[in-house]
Amino acid sequence: MAGITITLKNVPPELHRTLKESAMRNKRSLNQEAIHTLEHSLLSSGEHRTTLRQPPATRSVGKILVSRKLLDSRADEVMDRES
């Protein structure tokens, strides 16, 4: 089964650096680390899926917006550490 290709644009340099450092620590490629991070983030969000091959549970827009706010706050924390 072939994977799907995703292209990310306008990735903030500090996010790229953090992901790259994490990949090096975990002895993964940048791509493997990005997939691992996405899987971990999505699977630990309270959904009880054991694999990403199953269709996702429906989510309300509110939960998606909360997730976005959490990501924004984490990005702010990274920016604060860099300053």
C-alpha atoms as a PDB file:
ATOM      1  CA  MET A   1       0.000   0.000   0.000  1.00  0.00           C
ATOM      2  CA  ALA A   2       1.570   3.248  -1.156  1.00  0.00           C
ATOM      3  CA  GLY A   3       1.514   6.245   1.140  1.00  0.00           C
ATOM      4  CA  ILE A   4       0.150   9.654   0.327  1.00  0.00           C
ATOM      5  CA  THR A   5       2.539  12.542  -0.204  1.00  0.00           C
ATOM      6  CA  ILE A   6       1.969  15.752   1.730  1.00  0.00           C
ATOM      7  CA  THR A   7       3.912  18.933   1.082  1.00  0.00           C
ATOM      8  CA  LEU A   8       4.143  21.432   3.915  1.00  0.00           C
ATOM      9  CA  LYS A   9       4.685  25.054   2.971  1.00  0.00           C
ATOM     10  CA  ASN A  10       5.804  28.003   5.096  1.00  0.00           C
ATOM     11  CA  VAL A  11       7.052  25.856   7.985  1.00  0.00           C
ATOM     12  CA  PRO A  12       8.491  28.233  10.582  1.00  0.00           C
ATOM     13  CA  PRO A  13      12.278  27.780  10.889  1.00  0.00           C
ATOM     14  CA  GLU A  14      12.059  27.112  14.647  1.00  0.00           C
ATOM     15  CA  LEU A  15       9.495  24.342  14.088  1.00  0.00           C
ATOM     16  CA  HIS A  16      11.676  22.792  11.390  1.00  0.00           C
ATOM     17  CA  ARG A  17      14.722  22.953  13.660  1.00  0.00           C
ATOM     18  CA  THR A  18      12.806  21.408  16.581  1.00  0.00           C
ATOM     19  CA  LEU A  19      11.513  18.569  14.410  1.00  0.00           C
ATOM     20  CA  LYS A  20      14.971  17.992  12.936  1.00  0.00           C
ATOM     21  CA  GLU A  21      16.569  17.865  16.403  1.00  0.00           C
ATOM     22  CA  SER A  22      13.891  15.440  17.572  1.00  0.00           C
ATOM     23  CA  ALA A  23      14.534  13.244  14.525  1.00  0.00           C
ATOM     24  CA  MET A  24      18.248  13.169  15.296  1.00  0.00           C
ATOM     25  CA  ARG A  25      17.635  12.286  18.964  1.00  0.00           C
ATOM     26  CA  ASN A  26      15.281   9.468  17.959  1.00  0.00           C
ATOM     27  CA  LYS A  27      17.480   8.261  15.063  1.00  0.00           C
ATOM     28  CA  ARG A  28      14.740   8.833  12.498  1.00  0.00           C
ATOM     29  CA  SER A  29      14.600  10.676   9.206  1.00  0.00           C
ATOM     30  CA  LEU A  30      12.823  14.022   9.207  1.00  0.00           C
ATOM     31  CA  ASN A  31       9.919  12.387   7.347  1.00  0.00           C
ATOM     32  CA  GLN A  32       9.690   9.489   9.838  1.00  0.00           C
ATOM     33  CA  GLU A  33       9.764  11.936  12.748  1.00  0.00           C
ATOM     34  CA  ALA A  34       7.001  14.070  11.215  1.00  0.00           C
ATOM     35  CA  ILE A  35       4.815  10.976  10.706  1.00  0.00           C
ATOM     36  CA  HIS A  36       5.545   9.735  14.228  1.00  0.00           C
ATOM     37  CA  THR A  37       4.723  13.146  15.718  1.00  0.00           C
ATOM     38  CA  LEU A  38       1.466  13.399  13.778  1.00  0.00           C
ATOM     39  CA  GLU A  39       0.434   9.861  14.746  1.00  0.00           C
ATOM     40  CA  HIS A  40       1.261  10.458  18.397  1.00  0.00           C
ATOM     41  CA  SER A  41      -0.591  13.759  18.435  1.00  0.00           C
ATOM     42  CA  LEU A  42      -3.685  12.408  16.722  1.00  0.00           C
ATOM     43  CA  LEU A  43      -3.837   9.103  18.578  1.00  0.00           C
ATOM     44  CA  SER A  44      -3.289  10.665  22.000  1.00  0.00           C
ATOM     45  CA  SER A  45      -6.117  13.149  21.503  1.00  0.00           C
ATOM     46  CA  GLY A  46      -8.550  10.854  23.302  1.00  0.00           C
ATOM     47  CA  GLU A  47      -9.606   8.812  20.305  1.00  0.00           C
ATOM     48  CA  HIS A  48      -9.458   5.073  20.856  1.00  0.00           C
ATOM     49  CA  ARG A  49      -8.101   4.101  17.465  1.00  0.00           C
ATOM     50  CA  THR A  50      -5.284   1.607  17.531  1.00  0.00           C
ATOM     51  CA  THR A  51      -4.124   2.441  14.015  1.00  0.00           C
ATOM     52  CA  LEU A  52      -4.398   5.267  11.566  1.00  0.00           C
ATOM     53  CA  ARG A  53      -5.567   2.784   8.932  1.00  0.00           C
ATOM     54  CA  GLN A  54      -9.039   2.811  10.490  1.00  0.00           C
ATOM     55  CA  PRO A  55     -11.369   5.629   9.458  1.00  0.00           C
ATOM     56  CA  PRO A  56     -11.225   8.497  11.937  1.00  0.00           C
ATOM     57  CA  ALA A  57     -14.028   9.178  14.340  1.00  0.00           C
ATOM     58  CA  THR A  58     -16.046  12.246  13.474  1.00  0.00           C
ATOM     59  CA  ARG A  59     -14.863  15.371  15.251  1.00  0.00           C
ATOM     60  CA  SER A  60     -16.639  18.588  15.943  1.00  0.00           C
ATOM     61  CA  VAL A  61     -15.229  21.847  14.667  1.00  0.00           C
ATOM     62  CA  GLY A  62     -14.827  22.936  18.293  1.00  0.00           C
ATOM     63  CA  LYS A  63     -12.344  20.148  18.988  1.00  0.00           C
ATOM     64  CA  ILE A  64     -10.353  21.034  15.895  1.00  0.00           C
ATOM     65  CA  LEU A  65     -10.225  24.688  16.957  1.00  0.00           C
ATOM     66  CA  VAL A  66      -9.075  23.726  20.439  1.00  0.00           C
ATOM     67  CA  SER A  67      -6.308  21.634  18.894  1.00  0.00           C
ATOM     68  CA  ARG A  68      -5.251  24.614  16.775  1.00  0.00           C
ATOM     69  CA  LYS A  69      -5.126  26.838  19.860  1.00  0.00           C
ATOM     70  CA  LEU A  70      -2.986  24.249  21.636  1.00  0.00           C
ATOM     71  CA  LEU A  71      -0.591  24.121  18.675  1.00  0.00           C
ATOM     72  CA  ASP A  72      -0.394  27.909  18.607  1.00  0.00           C
ATOM     73  CA  SER A  73       0.424  28.019  22.326  1.00  0.00           C
ATOM     74  CA  ARG A  74       3.135  25.380  21.862  1.00  0.00           C
ATOM     75  CA  ALA A  75       4.604  27.392  18.993  1.00  0.00           C
ATOM     76  CA  ASP A  76       4.608  30.468  21.250  1.00  0.00           C
ATOM     77  CA  GLU A  77       6.491  28.474  23.909  1.00  0.00           C
ATOM     78  CA  VAL A  78       9.135  27.487  21.361  1.00  0.00           C
ATOM     79  CA  MET A  79       9.450  31.103  20.251  1.00  0.00           C
ATOM     80  CA  ASP A  80       9.821  32.258  23.873  1.00  0.00           C
ATOM     81  CA  ARG A  81      12.604  29.709  24.472  1.00  0.00           C
ATOM     82  CA  GLU A  82      14.445  30.944  21.404  1.00  0.00           C
ATOM     83  CA  SER A  83      14.358  34.589  22.546  1.00  0.00           C
END
